[in-house]
Amino acid sequence: VEEYKDVESRNFYAEAAASGSDKRTRDTIKGLQILARDHSRIPF
């Protein structure tokens, strides 16, 4: 997750981690791996 630089990705991950729910954190990481804005922003 340290490779995700986007403010939205970081905030949603932090929110999930702070929830205390391991499932929510895992689901959020999985979702970021598919949907995060970071994917479109890595160098050409």
All heavy atoms as atom14 arrays in JSON, in Angstrom:
{
  "sequence": "VEEYKDVESRNFYAEAAASGSDKRTRDTIKGLQILARDHSRIPF",
  "atom14_mask": [
    [1, 1, 1, 1, 1, 1, 1, 0, 0, 0, 0, 0, 0, 0],
    [1, 1, 1, 1, 1, 1, 1, 1, 1, 0, 0, 0, 0, 0],
    [1, 1, 1, 1, 1, 1, 1, 1, 1, 0, 0, 0, 0, 0],
    [1, 1, 1, 1, 1, 1, 1, 1, 1, 1, 1, 1, 0, 0],
    [1, 1, 1, 1, 1, 1, 1, 1, 1, 0, 0, 0, 0, 0],
    [1, 1, 1, 1, 1, 1, 1, 1, 0, 0, 0, 0, 0, 0],
    [1, 1, 1, 1, 1, 1, 1, 0, 0, 0, 0, 0, 0, 0],
    [1, 1, 1, 1, 1, 1, 1, 1, 1, 0, 0, 0, 0, 0],
    [1, 1, 1, 1, 1, 1, 0, 0, 0, 0, 0, 0, 0, 0],
    [1, 1, 1, 1, 1, 1, 1, 1, 1, 1, 1, 0, 0, 0],
    [1, 1, 1, 1, 1, 1, 1, 1, 0, 0, 0, 0, 0, 0],
    [1, 1, 1, 1, 1, 1, 1, 1, 1, 1, 1, 0, 0, 0],
    [1, 1, 1, 1, 1, 1, 1, 1, 1, 1, 1, 1, 0, 0],
    [1, 1, 1, 1, 1, 0, 0, 0, 0, 0, 0, 0, 0, 0],
    [1, 1, 1, 1, 1, 1, 1, 1, 1, 0, 0, 0, 0, 0],
    [1, 1, 1, 1, 1, 0, 0, 0, 0, 0, 0, 0, 0, 0],
    [1, 1, 1, 1, 1, 0, 0, 0, 0, 0, 0, 0, 0, 0],
    [1, 1, 1, 1, 1, 0, 0, 0, 0, 0, 0, 0, 0, 0],
    [1, 1, 1, 1, 1, 1, 0, 0, 0, 0, 0, 0, 0, 0],
    [1, 1, 1, 1, 0, 0, 0, 0, 0, 0, 0, 0, 0, 0],
    [1, 1, 1, 1, 1, 1, 0, 0, 0, 0, 0, 0, 0, 0],
    [1, 1, 1, 1, 1, 1, 1, 1, 0, 0, 0, 0, 0, 0],
    [1, 1, 1, 1, 1, 1, 1, 1, 1, 0, 0, 0, 0, 0],
    [1, 1, 1, 1, 1, 1, 1, 1, 1, 1, 1, 0, 0, 0],
    [1, 1, 1, 1, 1, 1, 1, 0, 0, 0, 0, 0, 0, 0],
    [1, 1, 1, 1, 1, 1, 1, 1, 1, 1, 1, 0, 0, 0],
    [1, 1, 1, 1, 1, 1, 1, 1, 0, 0, 0, 0, 0, 0],
    [1, 1, 1, 1, 1, 1, 1, 0, 0, 0, 0, 0, 0, 0],
    [1, 1, 1, 1, 1, 1, 1, 1, 0, 0, 0, 0, 0, 0],
    [1, 1, 1, 1, 1, 1, 1, 1, 1, 0, 0, 0, 0, 0],
    [1, 1, 1, 1, 0, 0, 0, 0, 0, 0, 0, 0, 0, 0],
    [1, 1, 1, 1, 1, 1, 1, 1, 0, 0, 0, 0, 0, 0],
    [1, 1, 1, 1, 1, 1, 1, 1, 1, 0, 0, 0, 0, 0],
    [1, 1, 1, 1, 1, 1, 1, 1, 0, 0, 0, 0, 0, 0],
    [1, 1, 1, 1, 1, 1, 1, 1, 0, 0, 0, 0, 0, 0],
    [1, 1, 1, 1, 1, 0, 0, 0, 0, 0, 0, 0, 0, 0],
    [1, 1, 1, 1, 1, 1, 1, 1, 1, 1, 1, 0, 0, 0],
    [1, 1, 1, 1, 1, 1, 1, 1, 0, 0, 0, 0, 0, 0],
    [1, 1, 1, 1, 1, 1, 1, 1, 1, 1, 0, 0, 0, 0],
    [1, 1, 1, 1, 1, 1, 0, 0, 0, 0, 0, 0, 0, 0],
    [1, 1, 1, 1, 1, 1, 1, 1, 1, 1, 1, 0, 0, 0],
    [1, 1, 1, 1, 1, 1, 1, 1, 0, 0, 0, 0, 0, 0],
    [1, 1, 1, 1, 1, 1, 1, 0, 0, 0, 0, 0, 0, 0],
    [1, 1, 1, 1, 1, 1, 1, 1, 1, 1, 1, 0, 0, 0]
  ],
  "atom14_positions": [
    [[0.82, -1.21, 0.0], [0.0, 0.0, 0.0], [0.86, 1.26, 0.0], [0.36, 2.34, -0.35], [-0.97, 0.02, 1.21], [-1.99, -1.09, 1.1], [-0.19, -0.09, 2.52], [0.0, 0.0, 0.0], [0.0, 0.0, 0.0], [0.0, 0.0, 0.0], [0.0, 0.0, 0.0], [0.0, 0.0, 0.0], [0.0, 0.0, 0.0], [0.0, 0.0, 0.0]],
    [[2.13, 1.14, 0.36], [3.0, 2.32, 0.35], [3.22, 2.86, -1.06], [3.63, 4.02, -1.23], [4.35, 2.0, 0.99], [5.24, 1.08, 0.21], [4.94, -0.4, 0.44], [3.97, -0.71, 1.19], [5.65, -1.25, -0.13], [0.0, 0.0, 0.0], [0.0, 0.0, 0.0], [0.0, 0.0, 0.0], [0.0, 0.0, 0.0], [0.0, 0.0, 0.0]],
    [[2.93, 2.06, -2.09], [3.09, 2.52, -3.47], [1.9, 3.38, -3.93], [1.96, 4.0, -4.98], [3.26, 1.34, -4.42], [4.46, 0.45, -4.13], [5.79, 1.16, -4.34], [5.8, 2.27, -4.91], [6.83, 0.61, -3.91], [0.0, 0.0, 0.0], [0.0, 0.0, 0.0], [0.0, 0.0, 0.0], [0.0, 0.0, 0.0], [0.0, 0.0, 0.0]],
    [[0.84, 3.39, -3.14], [-0.33, 4.19, -3.49], [-0.11, 5.61, -2.97], [-0.03, 5.84, -1.77], [-1.6, 3.57, -2.9], [-1.99, 2.26, -3.54], [-1.32, 1.08, -3.21], [-3.0, 2.2, -4.48], [-1.65, -0.12, -3.81], [-3.35, 1.0, -5.09], [-2.67, -0.16, -4.75], [-3.0, -1.35, -5.36], [0.0, 0.0, 0.0], [0.0, 0.0, 0.0]],
    [[-0.01, 6.55, -3.89], [0.34, 7.93, -3.54], [-0.87, 8.86, -3.47], [-0.8, 9.94, -2.89], [1.32, 8.49, -4.59], [2.52, 7.62, -4.88], [3.4, 7.42, -3.67], [4.66, 6.64, -4.01], [5.48, 6.35, -2.81], [0.0, 0.0, 0.0], [0.0, 0.0, 0.0], [0.0, 0.0, 0.0], [0.0, 0.0, 0.0], [0.0, 0.0, 0.0]],
    [[-1.97, 8.46, -4.07], [-3.12, 9.34, -4.2], [-3.79, 9.63, -2.86], [-3.93, 8.73, -2.02], [-4.13, 8.71, -5.16], [-5.4, 9.52, -5.29], [-5.3, 10.73, -5.54], [-6.49, 8.95, -5.11], [0.0, 0.0, 0.0], [0.0, 0.0, 0.0], [0.0, 0.0, 0.0], [0.0, 0.0, 0.0], [0.0, 0.0, 0.0], [0.0, 0.0, 0.0]],
    [[-4.22, 10.88, -2.67], [-4.84, 11.28, -1.41], [-6.11, 10.48, -1.13], [-6.4, 10.12, 0.03], [-5.12, 12.8, -1.41], [-6.08, 13.2, -2.53], [-5.69, 13.25, -0.07], [0.0, 0.0, 0.0], [0.0, 0.0, 0.0], [0.0, 0.0, 0.0], [0.0, 0.0, 0.0], [0.0, 0.0, 0.0], [0.0, 0.0, 0.0], [0.0, 0.0, 0.0]],
    [[-6.87, 10.17, -2.17], [-8.1, 9.41, -1.96], [-7.78, 7.99, -1.52], [-8.37, 7.46, -0.58], [-8.95, 9.39, -3.23], [-10.28, 8.67, -3.06], [-11.14, 8.73, -4.29], [-10.72, 8.21, -5.35], [-12.25, 9.29, -4.2], [0.0, 0.0, 0.0], [0.0, 0.0, 0.0], [0.0, 0.0, 0.0], [0.0, 0.0, 0.0], [0.0, 0.0, 0.0]],
    [[-6.83, 7.34, -2.19], [-6.45, 5.98, -1.82], [-5.96, 5.94, -0.38], [-6.34, 5.06, 0.41], [-5.34, 5.47, -2.75], [-5.76, 5.44, -4.09], [0.0, 0.0, 0.0], [0.0, 0.0, 0.0], [0.0, 0.0, 0.0], [0.0, 0.0, 0.0], [0.0, 0.0, 0.0], [0.0, 0.0, 0.0], [0.0, 0.0, 0.0], [0.0, 0.0, 0.0]],
    [[-5.1, 6.87, -0.02], [-4.54, 6.88, 1.33], [-5.62, 7.13, 2.38], [-5.63, 6.49, 3.45], [-3.45, 7.95, 1.42], [-2.17, 7.59, 0.67], [-1.15, 8.71, 0.73], [0.12, 8.32, 0.15], [1.12, 7.75, 0.82], [0.98, 7.5, 2.11], [2.25, 7.43, 0.22], [0.0, 0.0, 0.0], [0.0, 0.0, 0.0], [0.0, 0.0, 0.0]],
    [[-6.54, 8.03, 2.09], [-7.59, 8.34, 3.07], [-8.54, 7.16, 3.28], [-8.93, 6.85, 4.41], [-8.38, 9.57, 2.63], [-7.64, 10.86, 2.92], [-6.46, 10.85, 3.29], [-8.3, 11.98, 2.76], [0.0, 0.0, 0.0], [0.0, 0.0, 0.0], [0.0, 0.0, 0.0], [0.0, 0.0, 0.0], [0.0, 0.0, 0.0], [0.0, 0.0, 0.0]],
    [[-8.92, 6.5, 2.18], [-9.83, 5.38, 2.32], [-9.15, 4.21, 3.03], [-9.78, 3.5, 3.83], [-10.38, 4.95, 0.97], [-11.62, 5.69, 0.55], [-11.55, 6.95, -0.03], [-12.87, 5.14, 0.74], [-12.69, 7.64, -0.4], [-14.03, 5.82, 0.38], [-13.93, 7.07, -0.19], [0.0, 0.0, 0.0], [0.0, 0.0, 0.0], [0.0, 0.0, 0.0]],
    [[-7.87, 3.98, 2.74], [-7.15, 2.92, 3.44], [-7.04, 3.25, 4.93], [-7.26, 2.39, 5.79], [-5.77, 2.72, 2.83], [-4.94, 1.75, 3.63], [-5.2, 0.39, 3.59], [-3.9, 2.21, 4.46], [-4.46, -0.51, 4.35], [-3.16, 1.32, 5.23], [-3.44, -0.04, 5.16], [-2.71, -0.92, 5.92], [0.0, 0.0, 0.0], [0.0, 0.0, 0.0]],
    [[-6.71, 4.49, 5.24], [-6.58, 4.9, 6.64], [-7.91, 4.76, 7.37], [-7.95, 4.32, 8.54], [-6.08, 6.34, 6.73], [0.0, 0.0, 0.0], [0.0, 0.0, 0.0], [0.0, 0.0, 0.0], [0.0, 0.0, 0.0], [0.0, 0.0, 0.0], [0.0, 0.0, 0.0], [0.0, 0.0, 0.0], [0.0, 0.0, 0.0], [0.0, 0.0, 0.0]],
    [[-9.0, 5.11, 6.71], [-10.32, 4.98, 7.33], [-10.63, 3.52, 7.62], [-11.14, 3.18, 8.7], [-11.38, 5.57, 6.41], [-12.78, 5.54, 7.0], [-13.83, 6.08, 6.03], [-13.78, 5.72, 4.84], [-14.69, 6.86, 6.47], [0.0, 0.0, 0.0], [0.0, 0.0, 0.0], [0.0, 0.0, 0.0], [0.0, 0.0, 0.0], [0.0, 0.0, 0.0]],
    [[-10.3, 2.63, 6.66], [-10.56, 1.21, 6.87], [-9.71, 0.66, 8.0], [-10.19, -0.09, 8.86], [-10.29, 0.44, 5.58], [0.0, 0.0, 0.0], [0.0, 0.0, 0.0], [0.0, 0.0, 0.0], [0.0, 0.0, 0.0], [0.0, 0.0, 0.0], [0.0, 0.0, 0.0], [0.0, 0.0, 0.0], [0.0, 0.0, 0.0], [0.0, 0.0, 0.0]],
    [[-8.43, 1.05, 8.03], [-7.53, 0.56, 9.07], [-7.98, 1.03, 10.45], [-7.88, 0.3, 11.44], [-6.1, 1.01, 8.78], [0.0, 0.0, 0.0], [0.0, 0.0, 0.0], [0.0, 0.0, 0.0], [0.0, 0.0, 0.0], [0.0, 0.0, 0.0], [0.0, 0.0, 0.0], [0.0, 0.0, 0.0], [0.0, 0.0, 0.0], [0.0, 0.0, 0.0]],
    [[-8.49, 2.27, 10.51], [-8.93, 2.83, 11.79], [-10.24, 2.22, 12.27], [-10.59, 2.36, 13.45], [-9.08, 4.35, 11.67], [0.0, 0.0, 0.0], [0.0, 0.0, 0.0], [0.0, 0.0, 0.0], [0.0, 0.0, 0.0], [0.0, 0.0, 0.0], [0.0, 0.0, 0.0], [0.0, 0.0, 0.0], [0.0, 0.0, 0.0], [0.0, 0.0, 0.0]],
    [[-10.95, 1.54, 11.38], [-12.25, 0.97, 11.76], [-12.1, -0.2, 12.72], [-13.07, -0.58, 13.4], [-13.0, 0.5, 10.51], [-12.4, -0.67, 9.96], [0.0, 0.0, 0.0], [0.0, 0.0, 0.0], [0.0, 0.0, 0.0], [0.0, 0.0, 0.0], [0.0, 0.0, 0.0], [0.0, 0.0, 0.0], [0.0, 0.0, 0.0], [0.0, 0.0, 0.0]],
    [[-10.91, -0.8, 12.76], [-10.7, -1.96, 13.61], [-11.18, -3.26, 13.01], [-11.07, -4.33, 13.63], [0.0, 0.0, 0.0], [0.0, 0.0, 0.0], [0.0, 0.0, 0.0], [0.0, 0.0, 0.0], [0.0, 0.0, 0.0], [0.0, 0.0, 0.0], [0.0, 0.0, 0.0], [0.0, 0.0, 0.0], [0.0, 0.0, 0.0], [0.0, 0.0, 0.0]],
    [[-11.72, -3.21, 11.79], [-12.23, -4.4, 11.13], [-11.19, -4.92, 10.13], [-10.89, -4.26, 9.14], [-13.54, -4.08, 10.4], [-13.9, -5.13, 9.53], [0.0, 0.0, 0.0], [0.0, 0.0, 0.0], [0.0, 0.0, 0.0], [0.0, 0.0, 0.0], [0.0, 0.0, 0.0], [0.0, 0.0, 0.0], [0.0, 0.0, 0.0], [0.0, 0.0, 0.0]],
    [[-10.66, -6.11, 10.41], [-9.69, -6.69, 9.49], [-10.34, -6.96, 8.13], [-9.69, -6.8, 7.09], [-9.14, -8.0, 10.06], [-8.24, -7.77, 11.26], [-7.78, -6.63, 11.44], [-8.0, -8.75, 12.01], [0.0, 0.0, 0.0], [0.0, 0.0, 0.0], [0.0, 0.0, 0.0], [0.0, 0.0, 0.0], [0.0, 0.0, 0.0], [0.0, 0.0, 0.0]],
    [[-11.6, -7.37, 8.12], [-12.28, -7.65, 6.86], [-12.41, -6.39, 6.02], [-12.16, -6.4, 4.81], [-13.67, -8.25, 7.11], [-14.42, -8.61, 5.83], [-15.78, -9.2, 6.13], [-16.46, -9.7, 4.86], [-16.57, -8.65, 3.82], [0.0, 0.0, 0.0], [0.0, 0.0, 0.0], [0.0, 0.0, 0.0], [0.0, 0.0, 0.0], [0.0, 0.0, 0.0]],
    [[-12.81, -5.31, 6.66], [-12.95, -4.06, 5.9], [-11.61, -3.61, 5.34], [-11.54, -3.14, 4.2], [-13.55, -2.96, 6.78], [-13.75, -1.65, 6.02], [-14.44, -0.6, 6.86], [-14.52, 0.66, 6.15], [-15.01, 1.79, 6.67], [-15.47, 1.79, 7.91], [-15.04, 2.9, 5.96], [0.0, 0.0, 0.0], [0.0, 0.0, 0.0], [0.0, 0.0, 0.0]],
    [[-10.54, -3.79, 6.12], [-9.22, -3.41, 5.63], [-8.82, -4.28, 4.44], [-8.33, -3.77, 3.42], [-8.18, -3.54, 6.75], [-8.57, -2.71, 7.85], [-6.8, -3.12, 6.27], [0.0, 0.0, 0.0], [0.0, 0.0, 0.0], [0.0, 0.0, 0.0], [0.0, 0.0, 0.0], [0.0, 0.0, 0.0], [0.0, 0.0, 0.0], [0.0, 0.0, 0.0]],
    [[-9.03, -5.6, 4.55], [-8.7, -6.49, 3.43], [-9.53, -6.16, 2.2], [-9.02, -6.12, 1.07], [-8.94, -7.95, 3.83], [-7.94, -8.51, 4.84], [-8.05, -10.03, 4.9], [-9.4, -10.47, 5.23], [-9.84, -10.67, 6.47], [-9.03, -10.43, 7.51], [-11.08, -11.08, 6.69], [0.0, 0.0, 0.0], [0.0, 0.0, 0.0], [0.0, 0.0, 0.0]],
    [[-10.83, -5.91, 2.4], [-11.71, -5.6, 1.26], [-11.3, -4.28, 0.61], [-11.37, -4.14, -0.62], [-13.16, -5.52, 1.72], [-13.74, -6.89, 2.05], [-13.13, -7.91, 1.68], [-14.83, -6.93, 2.69], [0.0, 0.0, 0.0], [0.0, 0.0, 0.0], [0.0, 0.0, 0.0], [0.0, 0.0, 0.0], [0.0, 0.0, 0.0], [0.0, 0.0, 0.0]],
    [[-10.89, -3.32, 1.41], [-10.46, -2.03, 0.86], [-9.18, -2.18, 0.06], [-9.04, -1.61, -1.04], [-10.28, -1.0, 1.99], [-11.53, -0.81, 2.66], [-9.78, 0.33, 1.44], [0.0, 0.0, 0.0], [0.0, 0.0, 0.0], [0.0, 0.0, 0.0], [0.0, 0.0, 0.0], [0.0, 0.0, 0.0], [0.0, 0.0, 0.0], [0.0, 0.0, 0.0]],
    [[-8.24, -2.96, 0.58], [-7.0, -3.2, -0.18], [-7.32, -3.89, -1.5], [-6.79, -3.51, -2.56], [-6.02, -4.04, 0.66], [-5.5, -3.22, 1.85], [-4.85, -4.51, -0.2], [-4.65, -4.03, 2.81], [0.0, 0.0, 0.0], [0.0, 0.0, 0.0], [0.0, 0.0, 0.0], [0.0, 0.0, 0.0], [0.0, 0.0, 0.0], [0.0, 0.0, 0.0]],
    [[-8.19, -4.88, -1.47], [-8.58, -5.57, -2.7], [-9.23, -4.59, -3.69], [-8.94, -4.61, -4.9], [-9.55, -6.71, -2.39], [-10.04, -7.45, -3.62], [-11.03, -8.54, -3.26], [-11.58, -9.23, -4.52], [-12.58, -10.28, -4.18], [0.0, 0.0, 0.0], [0.0, 0.0, 0.0], [0.0, 0.0, 0.0], [0.0, 0.0, 0.0], [0.0, 0.0, 0.0]],
    [[-10.11, -3.74, -3.16], [-10.76, -2.75, -4.02], [-9.77, -1.78, -4.62], [-9.86, -1.42, -5.8], [0.0, 0.0, 0.0], [0.0, 0.0, 0.0], [0.0, 0.0, 0.0], [0.0, 0.0, 0.0], [0.0, 0.0, 0.0], [0.0, 0.0, 0.0], [0.0, 0.0, 0.0], [0.0, 0.0, 0.0], [0.0, 0.0, 0.0], [0.0, 0.0, 0.0]],
    [[-8.81, -1.33, -3.81], [-7.79, -0.42, -4.32], [-6.97, -1.09, -5.43], [-6.59, -0.43, -6.41], [-6.87, 0.04, -3.19], [-7.48, 1.0, -2.18], [-6.54, 1.19, -1.0], [-7.79, 2.36, -2.83], [0.0, 0.0, 0.0], [0.0, 0.0, 0.0], [0.0, 0.0, 0.0], [0.0, 0.0, 0.0], [0.0, 0.0, 0.0], [0.0, 0.0, 0.0]],
    [[-6.71, -2.38, -5.3], [-5.93, -3.08, -6.32], [-6.65, -3.13, -7.66], [-6.01, -3.3, -8.7], [-5.63, -4.5, -5.84], [-4.62, -4.54, -4.69], [-4.45, -5.94, -4.12], [-5.3, -6.81, -4.31], [-3.36, -6.16, -3.41], [0.0, 0.0, 0.0], [0.0, 0.0, 0.0], [0.0, 0.0, 0.0], [0.0, 0.0, 0.0], [0.0, 0.0, 0.0]],
    [[-7.96, -2.94, -7.65], [-8.74, -2.96, -8.89], [-9.09, -1.55, -9.35], [-9.01, -1.23, -10.54], [-10.05, -3.77, -8.7], [-9.73, -5.21, -8.3], [-10.89, -3.74, -9.99], [-10.95, -5.99, -7.85], [0.0, 0.0, 0.0], [0.0, 0.0, 0.0], [0.0, 0.0, 0.0], [0.0, 0.0, 0.0], [0.0, 0.0, 0.0], [0.0, 0.0, 0.0]],
    [[-9.46, -0.68, -8.41], [-10.14, 0.57, -8.74], [-9.35, 1.84, -8.5], [-9.75, 2.91, -8.99], [-11.44, 0.66, -7.92], [-12.43, -0.5, -8.06], [-13.49, -0.41, -6.96], [-13.07, -0.51, -9.44], [0.0, 0.0, 0.0], [0.0, 0.0, 0.0], [0.0, 0.0, 0.0], [0.0, 0.0, 0.0], [0.0, 0.0, 0.0], [0.0, 0.0, 0.0]],
    [[-8.26, 1.79, -7.76], [-7.6, 3.01, -7.3], [-7.18, 3.93, -8.45], [-6.81, 3.48, -9.54], [-6.37, 2.66, -6.46], [0.0, 0.0, 0.0], [0.0, 0.0, 0.0], [0.0, 0.0, 0.0], [0.0, 0.0, 0.0], [0.0, 0.0, 0.0], [0.0, 0.0, 0.0], [0.0, 0.0, 0.0], [0.0, 0.0, 0.0], [0.0, 0.0, 0.0]],
    [[-7.19, 5.21, -8.17], [-6.78, 6.21, -9.16], [-5.28, 6.07, -9.47], [-4.85, 6.44, -10.57], [-7.08, 7.61, -8.64], [-8.52, 7.8, -8.2], [-8.97, 9.23, -8.06], [-8.15, 10.05, -7.19], [-8.4, 11.34, -6.96], [-9.44, 11.91, -7.54], [-7.64, 12.05, -6.15], [0.0, 0.0, 0.0], [0.0, 0.0, 0.0], [0.0, 0.0, 0.0]],
    [[-4.52, 5.54, -8.54], [-3.07, 5.41, -8.73], [-2.71, 4.61, -9.98], [-1.68, 4.88, -10.61], [-2.45, 4.71, -7.52], [-2.73, 5.42, -6.22], [-3.86, 5.27, -5.71], [-1.86, 6.14, -5.72], [0.0, 0.0, 0.0], [0.0, 0.0, 0.0], [0.0, 0.0, 0.0], [0.0, 0.0, 0.0], [0.0, 0.0, 0.0], [0.0, 0.0, 0.0]],
    [[-3.52, 3.61, -10.34], [-3.16, 2.74, -11.46], [-2.97, 3.51, -12.76], [-2.12, 3.15, -13.59], [-4.25, 1.68, -11.65], [-4.44, 0.79, -10.47], [-3.45, -0.01, -9.95], [-5.53, 0.6, -9.67], [-3.91, -0.67, -8.89], [-5.18, -0.31, -8.7], [0.0, 0.0, 0.0], [0.0, 0.0, 0.0], [0.0, 0.0, 0.0], [0.0, 0.0, 0.0]],
    [[-3.76, 4.54, -12.95], [-3.67, 5.31, -14.19], [-2.54, 6.33, -14.15], [-2.26, 6.97, -15.17], [-4.99, 6.04, -14.44], [-5.26, 6.97, -13.4], [0.0, 0.0, 0.0], [0.0, 0.0, 0.0], [0.0, 0.0, 0.0], [0.0, 0.0, 0.0], [0.0, 0.0, 0.0], [0.0, 0.0, 0.0], [0.0, 0.0, 0.0], [0.0, 0.0, 0.0]],
    [[-1.87, 6.46, -13.01], [-0.92, 7.55, -12.84], [0.54, 7.1, -12.8], [1.44, 7.93, -12.68], [-1.27, 8.33, -11.57], [-2.69, 8.86, -11.61], [-3.12, 9.58, -10.35], [-4.52, 10.03, -10.47], [-5.11, 10.86, -9.62], [-4.43, 11.32, -8.59], [-6.37, 11.22, -9.79], [0.0, 0.0, 0.0], [0.0, 0.0, 0.0], [0.0, 0.0, 0.0]],
    [[0.78, 5.79, -12.89], [2.17, 5.35, -12.95], [2.77, 5.78, -14.29], [2.05, 6.0, -15.26], [2.29, 3.83, -12.74], [1.55, 3.05, -13.83], [1.8, 3.43, -11.37], [1.75, 1.55, -13.72], [0.0, 0.0, 0.0], [0.0, 0.0, 0.0], [0.0, 0.0, 0.0], [0.0, 0.0, 0.0], [0.0, 0.0, 0.0], [0.0, 0.0, 0.0]],
    [[4.09, 5.93, -14.36], [4.71, 6.49, -15.57], [4.41, 5.72, -16.85], [4.3, 4.49, -16.84], [6.21, 6.44, -15.23], [6.26, 6.56, -13.75], [5.07, 5.77, -13.27], [0.0, 0.0, 0.0], [0.0, 0.0, 0.0], [0.0, 0.0, 0.0], [0.0, 0.0, 0.0], [0.0, 0.0, 0.0], [0.0, 0.0, 0.0], [0.0, 0.0, 0.0]],
    [[4.3, 6.49, -17.92], [4.07, 5.92, -19.25], [5.25, 5.03, -19.62], [6.41, 5.36, -19.35], [3.91, 7.04, -20.28], [3.44, 6.56, -21.63], [2.1, 6.56, -21.94], [4.34, 6.1, -22.58], [1.66, 6.12, -23.18], [3.91, 5.65, -23.81], [2.56, 5.66, -24.12], [0.0, 0.0, 0.0], [0.0, 0.0, 0.0], [0.0, 0.0, 0.0]]
  ]
}
